[in-house]
């Protein structure tokens, strides 16, 4: 069954995925990381803040999260932060 972008369901999707792995979402991501992920995968017009679409599909979300978690491990940080999500 085809599914559109996660948009408003992003946090629930992430909570579900981490619960399935037996890890609370808050143990891996701080409060700002989810909003940063949403902003990163929601492109805007070049001349303003109006969103032009959403790239919040599960595969794209998982790719960014995997890169962020790998970077956290490499840096020895305790959790993924907004700054880290923006940098990967």
PDB file of N, CA and C in Angstrom:
ATOM      1  N   UNK A   1       0.844  -1.176   0.000  1.00  0.00           N
ATOM      2  CA  UNK A   1       0.000   0.000   0.000  1.00  0.00           C
ATOM      3  C   UNK A   1       0.891   1.241   0.000  1.00  0.00           C
ATOM      4  N   UNK A   2       0.752   2.131  -0.986  1.00  0.00           N
ATOM      5  CA  UNK A   2       1.555   3.352  -1.029  1.00  0.00           C
ATOM      6  C   UNK A   2       1.232   4.265   0.151  1.00  0.00           C
ATOM      7  N   UNK A   3       2.225   4.959   0.623  1.00  0.00           N
ATOM      8  CA  UNK A   3       2.044   5.870   1.736  1.00  0.00           C
ATOM      9  C   UNK A   3       2.759   7.172   1.394  1.00  0.00           C
ATOM     10  N   UNK A   4       2.145   8.284   1.780  1.00  0.00           N
ATOM     11  CA  UNK A   4       2.740   9.587   1.539  1.00  0.00           C
ATOM     12  C   UNK A   4       3.768   9.927   2.594  1.00  0.00           C
ATOM     13  N   UNK A   5       4.237  11.171   2.584  1.00  0.00           N
ATOM     14  CA  UNK A   5       5.221  11.594   3.569  1.00  0.00           C
ATOM     15  C   UNK A   5       4.658  11.536   4.990  1.00  0.00           C
ATOM     16  N   UNK A   6       5.547  11.387   5.954  1.00  0.00           N
ATOM     17  CA  UNK A   6       5.143  11.247   7.352  1.00  0.00           C
ATOM     18  C   UNK A   6       4.592  12.541   7.949  1.00  0.00           C
ATOM     19  N   UNK A   7       5.154  13.683   7.566  1.00  0.00           N
ATOM     20  CA  UNK A   7       4.717  15.006   8.025  1.00  0.00           C
ATOM     21  C   UNK A   7       4.330  15.012   9.505  1.00  0.00           C
ATOM     22  N   UNK A   8       3.054  15.140   9.836  1.00  0.00           N
ATOM     23  CA  UNK A   8       2.606  15.259  11.222  1.00  0.00           C
ATOM     24  C   UNK A   8       2.827  13.972  12.017  1.00  0.00           C
ATOM     25  N   UNK A   9       3.044  12.856  11.341  1.00  0.00           N
ATOM     26  CA  UNK A   9       3.231  11.568  12.006  1.00  0.00           C
ATOM     27  C   UNK A   9       4.699  11.239  12.285  1.00  0.00           C
ATOM     28  N   UNK A  10       5.596  12.176  12.028  1.00  0.00           N
ATOM     29  CA  UNK A  10       7.030  11.896  12.152  1.00  0.00           C
ATOM     30  C   UNK A  10       7.406  11.411  13.545  1.00  0.00           C
ATOM     31  N   UNK A  11       7.003  12.126  14.577  1.00  0.00           N
ATOM     32  CA  UNK A  11       7.403  11.742  15.926  1.00  0.00           C
ATOM     33  C   UNK A  11       6.830  10.378  16.314  1.00  0.00           C
ATOM     34  N   UNK A  12       5.582  10.117  15.947  1.00  0.00           N
ATOM     35  CA  UNK A  12       4.978   8.813  16.244  1.00  0.00           C
ATOM     36  C   UNK A  12       5.711   7.694  15.508  1.00  0.00           C
ATOM     37  N   UNK A  13       6.080   7.952  14.255  1.00  0.00           N
ATOM     38  CA  UNK A  13       6.841   6.975  13.477  1.00  0.00           C
ATOM     39  C   UNK A  13       8.160   6.650  14.170  1.00  0.00           C
ATOM     40  N   UNK A  14       8.877   7.688  14.612  1.00  0.00           N
ATOM     41  CA  UNK A  14      10.162   7.480  15.271  1.00  0.00           C
ATOM     42  C   UNK A  14       9.994   6.737  16.602  1.00  0.00           C
ATOM     43  N   UNK A  15       8.992   7.127  17.379  1.00  0.00           N
ATOM     44  CA  UNK A  15       8.740   6.440  18.647  1.00  0.00           C
ATOM     45  C   UNK A  15       8.474   4.956  18.398  1.00  0.00           C
ATOM     46  N   UNK A  16       7.660   4.669  17.397  1.00  0.00           N
ATOM     47  CA  UNK A  16       7.344   3.274  17.064  1.00  0.00           C
ATOM     48  C   UNK A  16       8.604   2.505  16.691  1.00  0.00           C
ATOM     49  N   UNK A  17       9.427   3.089  15.833  1.00  0.00           N
ATOM     50  CA  UNK A  17      10.636   2.404  15.374  1.00  0.00           C
ATOM     51  C   UNK A  17      11.588   2.106  16.537  1.00  0.00           C
ATOM     52  N   UNK A  18      11.739   3.078  17.431  1.00  0.00           N
ATOM     53  CA  UNK A  18      12.654   2.865  18.550  1.00  0.00           C
ATOM     54  C   UNK A  18      12.058   1.926  19.594  1.00  0.00           C
ATOM     55  N   UNK A  19      10.756   1.971  19.787  1.00  0.00           N
ATOM     56  CA  UNK A  19      10.113   1.021  20.699  1.00  0.00           C
ATOM     57  C   UNK A  19      10.307  -0.408  20.201  1.00  0.00           C
ATOM     58  N   UNK A  20      10.217  -0.603  18.896  1.00  0.00           N
ATOM     59  CA  UNK A  20      10.430  -1.933  18.314  1.00  0.00           C
ATOM     60  C   UNK A  20      11.851  -2.427  18.584  1.00  0.00           C
ATOM     61  N   UNK A  21      12.792  -1.473  18.685  1.00  0.00           N
ATOM     62  CA  UNK A  21      14.181  -1.827  18.975  1.00  0.00           C
ATOM     63  C   UNK A  21      14.434  -1.922  20.485  1.00  0.00           C
ATOM     64  N   UNK A  22      13.415  -1.584  21.292  1.00  0.00           N
ATOM     65  CA  UNK A  22      13.548  -1.665  22.742  1.00  0.00           C
ATOM     66  C   UNK A  22      14.274  -0.495  23.369  1.00  0.00           C
ATOM     67  N   UNK A  23      14.285   0.642  22.667  1.00  0.00           N
ATOM     68  CA  UNK A  23      14.995   1.830  23.150  1.00  0.00           C
ATOM     69  C   UNK A  23      14.042   3.021  23.121  1.00  0.00           C
ATOM     70  N   UNK A  24      13.936   3.765  24.222  1.00  0.00           N
ATOM     71  CA  UNK A  24      13.101   4.976  24.190  1.00  0.00           C
ATOM     72  C   UNK A  24      13.715   6.028  23.262  1.00  0.00           C
ATOM     73  N   UNK A  25      12.902   6.700  22.511  1.00  0.00           N
ATOM     74  CA  UNK A  25      13.364   7.728  21.573  1.00  0.00           C
ATOM     75  C   UNK A  25      14.193   8.795  22.285  1.00  0.00           C
ATOM     76  N   UNK A  26      13.781   9.210  23.469  1.00  0.00           N
ATOM     77  CA  UNK A  26      14.473  10.268  24.207  1.00  0.00           C
ATOM     78  C   UNK A  26      15.890   9.857  24.628  1.00  0.00           C
ATOM     79  N   UNK A  27      16.172   8.592  24.620  1.00  0.00           N
ATOM     80  CA  UNK A  27      17.522   8.141  24.974  1.00  0.00           C
ATOM     81  C   UNK A  27      18.516   8.387  23.840  1.00  0.00           C
ATOM     82  N   UNK A  28      18.009   8.502  22.617  1.00  0.00           N
ATOM     83  CA  UNK A  28      18.870   8.660  21.443  1.00  0.00           C
ATOM     84  C   UNK A  28      18.817  10.079  20.878  1.00  0.00           C
ATOM     85  N   UNK A  29      17.650  10.728  20.961  1.00  0.00           N
ATOM     86  CA  UNK A  29      17.469  12.059  20.367  1.00  0.00           C
ATOM     87  C   UNK A  29      17.030  13.060  21.418  1.00  0.00           C
ATOM     88  N   UNK A  30      17.631  14.253  21.397  1.00  0.00           N
ATOM     89  CA  UNK A  30      17.152  15.282  22.314  1.00  0.00           C
ATOM     90  C   UNK A  30      15.917  15.958  21.723  1.00  0.00           C
ATOM     91  N   UNK A  31      15.308  16.849  22.479  1.00  0.00           N
ATOM     92  CA  UNK A  31      14.034  17.472  22.077  1.00  0.00           C
ATOM     93  C   UNK A  31      14.118  18.235  20.762  1.00  0.00           C
ATOM     94  N   UNK A  32      15.278  18.783  20.430  1.00  0.00           N
ATOM     95  CA  UNK A  32      15.406  19.626  19.243  1.00  0.00           C
ATOM     96  C   UNK A  32      15.660  18.846  17.964  1.00  0.00           C
ATOM     97  N   UNK A  33      16.115  17.612  18.074  1.00  0.00           N
ATOM     98  CA  UNK A  33      16.538  16.848  16.894  1.00  0.00           C
ATOM     99  C   UNK A  33      15.387  16.527  15.948  1.00  0.00           C
ATOM    100  N   UNK A  34      14.224  16.234  16.479  1.00  0.00           N
ATOM    101  CA  UNK A  34      13.089  15.867  15.622  1.00  0.00           C
ATOM    102  C   UNK A  34      12.619  17.058  14.799  1.00  0.00           C
ATOM    103  N   UNK A  35      12.551  18.223  15.424  1.00  0.00           N
ATOM    104  CA  UNK A  35      12.167  19.430  14.671  1.00  0.00           C
ATOM    105  C   UNK A  35      13.206  19.752  13.604  1.00  0.00           C
ATOM    106  N   UNK A  36      14.475  19.550  13.916  1.00  0.00           N
ATOM    107  CA  UNK A  36      15.531  19.795  12.936  1.00  0.00           C
ATOM    108  C   UNK A  36      15.426  18.820  11.768  1.00  0.00           C
ATOM    109  N   UNK A  37      15.092  17.581  12.068  1.00  0.00           N
ATOM    110  CA  UNK A  37      14.902  16.583  11.009  1.00  0.00           C
ATOM    111  C   UNK A  37      13.742  16.983  10.106  1.00  0.00           C
ATOM    112  N   UNK A  38      12.643  17.408  10.711  1.00  0.00           N
ATOM    113  CA  UNK A  38      11.480  17.843   9.937  1.00  0.00           C
ATOM    114  C   UNK A  38      11.859  19.030   9.032  1.00  0.00           C
ATOM    115  N   UNK A  39      12.577  19.991   9.581  1.00  0.00           N
ATOM    116  CA  UNK A  39      12.984  21.166   8.796  1.00  0.00           C
ATOM    117  C   UNK A  39      13.930  20.778   7.664  1.00  0.00           C
ATOM    118  N   UNK A  40      14.837  19.863   7.943  1.00  0.00           N
ATOM    119  CA  UNK A  40      15.801  19.456   6.918  1.00  0.00           C
ATOM    120  C   UNK A  40      15.138  18.759   5.742  1.00  0.00           C
ATOM    121  N   UNK A  41      14.101  17.992   6.001  1.00  0.00           N
ATOM    122  CA  UNK A  41      13.450  17.228   4.942  1.00  0.00           C
ATOM    123  C   UNK A  41      12.166  17.885   4.422  1.00  0.00           C
ATOM    124  N   UNK A  42      11.995  19.163   4.711  1.00  0.00           N
ATOM    125  CA  UNK A  42      10.875  19.937   4.181  1.00  0.00           C
ATOM    126  C   UNK A  42      11.456  21.155   3.465  1.00  0.00           C
ATOM    127  N   UNK A  43      11.780  21.019   2.180  1.00  0.00           N
ATOM    128  CA  UNK A  43      12.395  22.128   1.454  1.00  0.00           C
ATOM    129  C   UNK A  43      11.448  23.323   1.336  1.00  0.00           C
ATOM    130  N   UNK A  44      12.045  24.505   1.274  1.00  0.00           N
ATOM    131  CA  UNK A  44      11.267  25.745   1.145  1.00  0.00           C
ATOM    132  C   UNK A  44      11.664  26.467  -0.139  1.00  0.00           C
ATOM    133  N   UNK A  45      10.849  27.455  -0.497  1.00  0.00           N
ATOM    134  CA  UNK A  45      11.162  28.282  -1.661  1.00  0.00           C
ATOM    135  C   UNK A  45      12.479  29.003  -1.428  1.00  0.00           C
ATOM    136  N   UNK A  46      13.188  29.270  -2.495  1.00  0.00           N
ATOM    137  CA  UNK A  46      14.476  29.956  -2.386  1.00  0.00           C
ATOM    138  C   UNK A  46      14.316  31.373  -1.834  1.00  0.00           C
ATOM    139  N   UNK A  47      13.174  31.984  -2.043  1.00  0.00           N
ATOM    140  CA  UNK A  47      12.985  33.375  -1.635  1.00  0.00           C
ATOM    141  C   UNK A  47      12.069  33.538  -0.434  1.00  0.00           C
ATOM    142  N   UNK A  48      11.816  32.488   0.292  1.00  0.00           N
ATOM    143  CA  UNK A  48      10.934  32.627   1.444  1.00  0.00           C
ATOM    144  C   UNK A  48      10.774  31.332   2.197  1.00  0.00           C
ATOM    145  N   UNK A  49      10.061  31.386   3.302  1.00  0.00           N
ATOM    146  CA  UNK A  49       9.922  30.209   4.150  1.00  0.00           C
ATOM    147  C   UNK A  49       8.784  29.263   3.766  1.00  0.00           C
ATOM    148  N   UNK A  50       8.108  29.515   2.659  1.00  0.00           N
ATOM    149  CA  UNK A  50       6.969  28.683   2.283  1.00  0.00           C
ATOM    150  C   UNK A  50       7.440  27.293   1.842  1.00  0.00           C
ATOM    151  N   UNK A  51       6.936  26.222   2.487  1.00  0.00           N
ATOM    152  CA  UNK A  51       7.321  24.861   2.081  1.00  0.00           C
ATOM    153  C   UNK A  51       6.867  24.559   0.656  1.00  0.00           C
ATOM    154  N   UNK A  52       7.711  23.860  -0.084  1.00  0.00           N
ATOM    155  CA  UNK A  52       7.362  23.497  -1.460  1.00  0.00           C
ATOM    156  C   UNK A  52       7.053  22.009  -1.593  1.00  0.00           C
ATOM    157  N   UNK A  53       7.147  21.288  -0.511  1.00  0.00           N
ATOM    158  CA  UNK A  53       6.865  19.858  -0.538  1.00  0.00           C
ATOM    159  C   UNK A  53       7.447  19.209   0.698  1.00  0.00           C
ATOM    160  N   UNK A  54       7.382  17.911   0.733  1.00  0.00           N
ATOM    161  CA  UNK A  54       7.903  17.185   1.875  1.00  0.00           C
ATOM    162  C   UNK A  54       8.694  15.983   1.396  1.00  0.00           C
ATOM    163  N   UNK A  55       9.852  15.790   2.014  1.00  0.00           N
ATOM    164  CA  UNK A  55      10.673  14.616   1.745  1.00  0.00           C
ATOM    165  C   UNK A  55      10.674  13.684   2.949  1.00  0.00           C
ATOM    166  N   UNK A  56       9.661  13.812   3.800  1.00  0.00           N
ATOM    167  CA  UNK A  56       9.581  13.039   5.034  1.00  0.00           C
ATOM    168  C   UNK A  56       9.039  11.620   4.802  1.00  0.00           C
ATOM    169  N   UNK A  57       9.651  10.941   3.866  1.00  0.00           N
ATOM    170  CA  UNK A  57       9.314   9.544   3.612  1.00  0.00           C
ATOM    171  C   UNK A  57      10.176   8.665   4.510  1.00  0.00           C
ATOM    172  N   UNK A  58       9.681   7.508   4.917  1.00  0.00           N
ATOM    173  CA  UNK A  58      10.437   6.674   5.850  1.00  0.00           C
ATOM    174  C   UNK A  58      11.890   6.412   5.449  1.00  0.00           C
ATOM    175  N   UNK A  59      12.159   6.128   4.187  1.00  0.00           N
ATOM    176  CA  UNK A  59      13.532   5.838   3.779  1.00  0.00           C
ATOM    177  C   UNK A  59      14.434   7.060   3.942  1.00  0.00           C
ATOM    178  N   UNK A  60      13.949   8.238   3.539  1.00  0.00           N
ATOM    179  CA  UNK A  60      14.743   9.454   3.687  1.00  0.00           C
ATOM    180  C   UNK A  60      14.987   9.771   5.156  1.00  0.00           C
ATOM    181  N   UNK A  61      13.959   9.607   5.986  1.00  0.00           N
ATOM    182  CA  UNK A  61      14.091   9.844   7.424  1.00  0.00           C
ATOM    183  C   UNK A  61      15.138   8.892   8.000  1.00  0.00           C
ATOM    184  N   UNK A  62      15.043   7.628   7.670  1.00  0.00           N
ATOM    185  CA  UNK A  62      15.974   6.642   8.205  1.00  0.00           C
ATOM    186  C   UNK A  62      17.399   6.891   7.731  1.00  0.00           C
ATOM    187  N   UNK A  63      17.581   7.352   6.495  1.00  0.00           N
ATOM    188  CA  UNK A  63      18.922   7.646   5.994  1.00  0.00           C
ATOM    189  C   UNK A  63      19.567   8.785   6.785  1.00  0.00           C
ATOM    190  N   UNK A  64      18.823   9.853   7.037  1.00  0.00           N
ATOM    191  CA  UNK A  64      19.362  10.981   7.808  1.00  0.00           C
ATOM    192  C   UNK A  64      19.636  10.546   9.246  1.00  0.00           C
ATOM    193  N   UNK A  65      18.727   9.792   9.840  1.00  0.00           N
ATOM    194  CA  UNK A  65      18.917   9.345  11.215  1.00  0.00           C
ATOM    195  C   UNK A  65      20.118   8.419  11.346  1.00  0.00           C
ATOM    196  N   UNK A  66      20.304   7.541  10.400  1.00  0.00           N
ATOM    197  CA  UNK A  66      21.469   6.641  10.448  1.00  0.00           C
ATOM    198  C   UNK A  66      22.763   7.447  10.377  1.00  0.00           C
ATOM    199  N   UNK A  67      22.807   8.427   9.493  1.00  0.00           N
ATOM    200  CA  UNK A  67      24.003   9.279   9.398  1.00  0.00           C
ATOM    201  C   UNK A  67      24.234  10.045  10.698  1.00  0.00           C
ATOM    202  N   UNK A  68      23.158  10.561  11.290  1.00  0.00           N
ATOM    203  CA  UNK A  68      23.280  11.313  12.541  1.00  0.00           C
ATOM    204  C   UNK A  68      23.741  10.403  13.681  1.00  0.00           C
ATOM    205  N   UNK A  69      23.177   9.206  13.778  1.00  0.00           N
ATOM    206  CA  UNK A  69      23.572   8.292  14.849  1.00  0.00           C
ATOM    207  C   UNK A  69      25.015   7.809  14.672  1.00  0.00           C
ATOM    208  N   UNK A  70      25.446   7.603  13.434  1.00  0.00           N
ATOM    209  CA  UNK A  70      26.841   7.237  13.190  1.00  0.00           C
ATOM    210  C   UNK A  70      27.776   8.360  13.616  1.00  0.00           C
ATOM    211  N   UNK A  71      27.398   9.585  13.325  1.00  0.00           N
ATOM    212  CA  UNK A  71      28.211  10.744  13.707  1.00  0.00           C
ATOM    213  C   UNK A  71      28.277  10.897  15.226  1.00  0.00           C
ATOM    214  N   UNK A  72      27.146  10.690  15.906  1.00  0.00           N
ATOM    215  CA  UNK A  72      27.119  10.748  17.370  1.00  0.00           C
ATOM    216  C   UNK A  72      28.078   9.714  17.955  1.00  0.00           C
ATOM    217  N   UNK A  73      28.047   8.520  17.423  1.00  0.00           N
ATOM    218  CA  UNK A  73      28.938   7.474  17.916  1.00  0.00           C
ATOM    219  C   UNK A  73      30.401   7.836  17.674  1.00  0.00           C
ATOM    220  N   UNK A  74      30.692   8.376  16.493  1.00  0.00           N
ATOM    221  CA  UNK A  74      32.071   8.746  16.165  1.00  0.00           C
ATOM    222  C   UNK A  74      32.581   9.873  17.068  1.00  0.00           C
ATOM    223  N   UNK A  75      31.689  10.799  17.425  1.00  0.00           N
ATOM    224  CA  UNK A  75      32.084  11.936  18.262  1.00  0.00           C
ATOM    225  C   UNK A  75      32.008  11.634  19.755  1.00  0.00           C
ATOM    226  N   UNK A  76      31.400  10.517  20.110  1.00  0.00           N
ATOM    227  CA  UNK A  76      31.254  10.165  21.514  1.00  0.00           C
ATOM    228  C   UNK A  76      30.221  11.006  22.247  1.00  0.00           C
ATOM    229  N   UNK A  77      29.255  11.521  21.513  1.00  0.00           N
ATOM    230  CA  UNK A  77      28.205  12.342  22.119  1.00  0.00           C
ATOM    231  C   UNK A  77      27.131  11.433  22.721  1.00  0.00           C
ATOM    232  N   UNK A  78      26.374  11.947  23.718  1.00  0.00           N
ATOM    233  CA  UNK A  78      25.346  11.109  24.343  1.00  0.00           C
ATOM    234  C   UNK A  78      24.079  10.941  23.509  1.00  0.00           C
ATOM    235  N   UNK A  79      23.676  11.993  22.767  1.00  0.00           N
ATOM    236  CA  UNK A  79      22.429  11.920  21.992  1.00  0.00           C
ATOM    237  C   UNK A  79      22.554  12.761  20.726  1.00  0.00           C
ATOM    238  N   UNK A  80      21.660  12.499  19.792  1.00  0.00           N
ATOM    239  CA  UNK A  80      21.576  13.284  18.558  1.00  0.00           C
ATOM    240  C   UNK A  80      20.928  14.630  18.888  1.00  0.00           C
ATOM    241  N   UNK A  81      21.513  15.710  18.399  1.00  0.00           N
ATOM    242  CA  UNK A  81      21.003  17.060  18.618  1.00  0.00           C
ATOM    243  C   UNK A  81      20.589  17.684  17.293  1.00  0.00           C
ATOM    244  N   UNK A  82      19.915  18.814  17.371  1.00  0.00           N
ATOM    245  CA  UNK A  82      19.498  19.537  16.163  1.00  0.00           C
ATOM    246  C   UNK A  82      20.704  19.942  15.327  1.00  0.00           C
ATOM    247  N   UNK A  83      21.741  20.429  15.971  1.00  0.00           N
ATOM    248  CA  UNK A  83      22.938  20.846  15.240  1.00  0.00           C
ATOM    249  C   UNK A  83      23.550  19.688  14.464  1.00  0.00           C
ATOM    250  N   UNK A  84      23.550  18.533  15.061  1.00  0.00           N
ATOM    251  CA  UNK A  84      24.104  17.368  14.401  1.00  0.00           C
ATOM    252  C   UNK A  84      23.251  16.962  13.200  1.00  0.00           C
ATOM    253  N   UNK A  85      21.922  16.989  13.349  1.00  0.00           N
ATOM    254  CA  UNK A  85      21.019  16.651  12.237  1.00  0.00           C
ATOM    255  C   UNK A  85      21.253  17.621  11.082  1.00  0.00           C
ATOM    256  N   UNK A  86      21.440  18.896  11.386  1.00  0.00           N
ATOM    257  CA  UNK A  86      21.674  19.891  10.326  1.00  0.00           C
ATOM    258  C   UNK A  86      23.004  19.669   9.617  1.00  0.00           C
ATOM    259  N   UNK A  87      23.967  19.079  10.316  1.00  0.00           N
ATOM    260  CA  UNK A  87      25.323  18.961   9.755  1.00  0.00           C
ATOM    261  C   UNK A  87      25.535  17.704   8.914  1.00  0.00           C
ATOM    262  N   UNK A  88      24.658  16.707   9.027  1.00  0.00           N
ATOM    263  CA  UNK A  88      24.873  15.477   8.253  1.00  0.00           C
ATOM    264  C   UNK A  88      24.128  15.520   6.948  1.00  0.00           C
TER     265      UNK A  88
END
